[in-house]
């Protein structure tokens, strides 16, 4: 599961780098760093699922709020929603 999420994130970031605006490139790169930290923490969890990933990312981004101006955090939040659409399991 972690490898799948990591690959999806990398493909999404690569797409943003190739086709995104400056804001999209910034927010995807910033988000990728936080995503990597969360994935490394999730490696130690006995069971993984998408809601756990979402909760961990929400907590991580909440803790990072003071790192960015509100408008930049809004860009990152929008980027996270876009990435979630890619990561979400299809049923």
C-alpha atoms as a PDB file:
ATOM      1  CA  UNK A   1       0.000   0.000   0.000  1.00  0.00           C
ATOM      2  CA  UNK A   2       2.761   2.467   0.926  1.00  0.00           C
ATOM      3  CA  UNK A   3       4.626   1.805  -2.314  1.00  0.00           C
ATOM      4  CA  UNK A   4       1.437   2.363  -4.305  1.00  0.00           C
ATOM      5  CA  UNK A   5       0.760   5.662  -2.532  1.00  0.00           C
ATOM      6  CA  UNK A   6       4.362   6.771  -2.980  1.00  0.00           C
ATOM      7  CA  UNK A   7       4.289   5.974  -6.699  1.00  0.00           C
ATOM      8  CA  UNK A   8       0.995   7.800  -7.187  1.00  0.00           C
ATOM      9  CA  UNK A   9       2.386  10.835  -5.362  1.00  0.00           C
ATOM     10  CA  UNK A  10       5.577  10.844  -7.407  1.00  0.00           C
ATOM     11  CA  UNK A  11       3.650  10.586 -10.678  1.00  0.00           C
ATOM     12  CA  UNK A  12       1.341  13.401  -9.578  1.00  0.00           C
ATOM     13  CA  UNK A  13       4.268  15.636  -8.569  1.00  0.00           C
ATOM     14  CA  UNK A  14       6.048  14.910 -11.858  1.00  0.00           C
ATOM     15  CA  UNK A  15       2.900  15.907 -13.729  1.00  0.00           C
ATOM     16  CA  UNK A  16       2.721  19.151 -11.723  1.00  0.00           C
ATOM     17  CA  UNK A  17       6.378  19.882 -12.481  1.00  0.00           C
ATOM     18  CA  UNK A  18       5.832  19.378 -16.202  1.00  0.00           C
ATOM     19  CA  UNK A  19       2.443  21.029 -16.617  1.00  0.00           C
ATOM     20  CA  UNK A  20       1.640  23.045 -13.488  1.00  0.00           C
ATOM     21  CA  UNK A  21       1.773  26.730 -12.740  1.00  0.00           C
ATOM     22  CA  UNK A  22       4.403  28.136 -10.383  1.00  0.00           C
ATOM     23  CA  UNK A  23       1.894  27.855  -7.534  1.00  0.00           C
ATOM     24  CA  UNK A  24       1.130  24.228  -8.393  1.00  0.00           C
ATOM     25  CA  UNK A  25       4.828  23.371  -8.566  1.00  0.00           C
ATOM     26  CA  UNK A  26       5.429  25.021  -5.193  1.00  0.00           C
ATOM     27  CA  UNK A  27       2.475  23.386  -3.461  1.00  0.00           C
ATOM     28  CA  UNK A  28       3.132  19.926  -4.883  1.00  0.00           C
ATOM     29  CA  UNK A  29       6.786  20.049  -3.845  1.00  0.00           C
ATOM     30  CA  UNK A  30       5.910  21.239  -0.357  1.00  0.00           C
ATOM     31  CA  UNK A  31       3.224  18.596  -0.055  1.00  0.00           C
ATOM     32  CA  UNK A  32       5.561  15.865  -1.281  1.00  0.00           C
ATOM     33  CA  UNK A  33       7.911  16.496   1.632  1.00  0.00           C
ATOM     34  CA  UNK A  34       5.119  16.180   4.174  1.00  0.00           C
ATOM     35  CA  UNK A  35       3.741  13.140   2.374  1.00  0.00           C
ATOM     36  CA  UNK A  36       7.128  11.401   2.631  1.00  0.00           C
ATOM     37  CA  UNK A  37       7.265  12.079   6.377  1.00  0.00           C
ATOM     38  CA  UNK A  38       3.767  10.685   6.882  1.00  0.00           C
ATOM     39  CA  UNK A  39       4.536   7.574   4.822  1.00  0.00           C
ATOM     40  CA  UNK A  40       7.632   6.915   6.907  1.00  0.00           C
ATOM     41  CA  UNK A  41       5.526   7.110  10.088  1.00  0.00           C
ATOM     42  CA  UNK A  42       2.878   4.836   8.596  1.00  0.00           C
ATOM     43  CA  UNK A  43       5.474   2.135   7.906  1.00  0.00           C
ATOM     44  CA  UNK A  44       5.271   1.283  11.587  1.00  0.00           C
ATOM     45  CA  UNK A  45       1.486   0.872  11.614  1.00  0.00           C
ATOM     46  CA  UNK A  46       0.128  -2.690  11.665  1.00  0.00           C
ATOM     47  CA  UNK A  47      -2.809  -1.831   9.393  1.00  0.00           C
ATOM     48  CA  UNK A  48      -2.967   0.778   6.675  1.00  0.00           C
ATOM     49  CA  UNK A  49      -5.932   2.319   4.972  1.00  0.00           C
ATOM     50  CA  UNK A  50      -6.764   5.512   3.161  1.00  0.00           C
ATOM     51  CA  UNK A  51      -8.613   7.161   6.095  1.00  0.00           C
ATOM     52  CA  UNK A  52      -5.510   6.677   8.264  1.00  0.00           C
ATOM     53  CA  UNK A  53      -3.367   8.335   5.591  1.00  0.00           C
ATOM     54  CA  UNK A  54      -5.829  11.222   5.385  1.00  0.00           C
ATOM     55  CA  UNK A  55      -5.866  11.667   9.156  1.00  0.00           C
ATOM     56  CA  UNK A  56      -2.079  11.620   9.417  1.00  0.00           C
ATOM     57  CA  UNK A  57      -1.715  14.128   6.578  1.00  0.00           C
ATOM     58  CA  UNK A  58      -4.341  16.412   8.122  1.00  0.00           C
ATOM     59  CA  UNK A  59      -2.474  16.332  11.428  1.00  0.00           C
ATOM     60  CA  UNK A  60       0.878  16.923   9.745  1.00  0.00           C
ATOM     61  CA  UNK A  61      -0.404  19.852   7.681  1.00  0.00           C
ATOM     62  CA  UNK A  62      -2.138  21.355  10.719  1.00  0.00           C
ATOM     63  CA  UNK A  63       1.158  21.304  12.606  1.00  0.00           C
ATOM     64  CA  UNK A  64       2.870  22.972   9.640  1.00  0.00           C
ATOM     65  CA  UNK A  65       0.359  25.837   9.358  1.00  0.00           C
ATOM     66  CA  UNK A  66       2.751  28.338  10.905  1.00  0.00           C
ATOM     67  CA  UNK A  67       5.404  27.590   8.263  1.00  0.00           C
ATOM     68  CA  UNK A  68       3.436  29.213   5.453  1.00  0.00           C
ATOM     69  CA  UNK A  69       1.400  32.311   4.767  1.00  0.00           C
ATOM     70  CA  UNK A  70      -2.345  31.577   4.756  1.00  0.00           C
ATOM     71  CA  UNK A  71      -2.580  31.901   0.971  1.00  0.00           C
ATOM     72  CA  UNK A  72       0.273  29.421   0.509  1.00  0.00           C
ATOM     73  CA  UNK A  73      -1.332  27.003   2.956  1.00  0.00           C
ATOM     74  CA  UNK A  74      -4.533  27.278   0.913  1.00  0.00           C
ATOM     75  CA  UNK A  75      -2.542  26.254  -2.178  1.00  0.00           C
ATOM     76  CA  UNK A  76      -1.126  23.266  -0.298  1.00  0.00           C
ATOM     77  CA  UNK A  77      -4.588  22.279   0.957  1.00  0.00           C
ATOM     78  CA  UNK A  78      -5.939  22.398  -2.587  1.00  0.00           C
ATOM     79  CA  UNK A  79      -2.989  20.336  -3.784  1.00  0.00           C
ATOM     80  CA  UNK A  80      -3.673  17.767  -1.059  1.00  0.00           C
ATOM     81  CA  UNK A  81      -7.296  17.490  -2.214  1.00  0.00           C
ATOM     82  CA  UNK A  82      -6.122  16.905  -5.790  1.00  0.00           C
ATOM     83  CA  UNK A  83      -3.666  14.250  -4.656  1.00  0.00           C
ATOM     84  CA  UNK A  84      -6.364  12.598  -2.526  1.00  0.00           C
ATOM     85  CA  UNK A  85      -8.447  12.131  -5.657  1.00  0.00           C
ATOM     86  CA  UNK A  86      -5.549  10.169  -7.154  1.00  0.00           C
ATOM     87  CA  UNK A  87      -4.842   8.162  -3.990  1.00  0.00           C
ATOM     88  CA  UNK A  88      -8.399   7.254  -3.120  1.00  0.00           C
ATOM     89  CA  UNK A  89      -9.095   3.570  -3.644  1.00  0.00           C
ATOM     90  CA  UNK A  90     -11.592   2.735  -6.336  1.00  0.00           C
ATOM     91  CA  UNK A  91     -14.358   0.397  -5.342  1.00  0.00           C
END
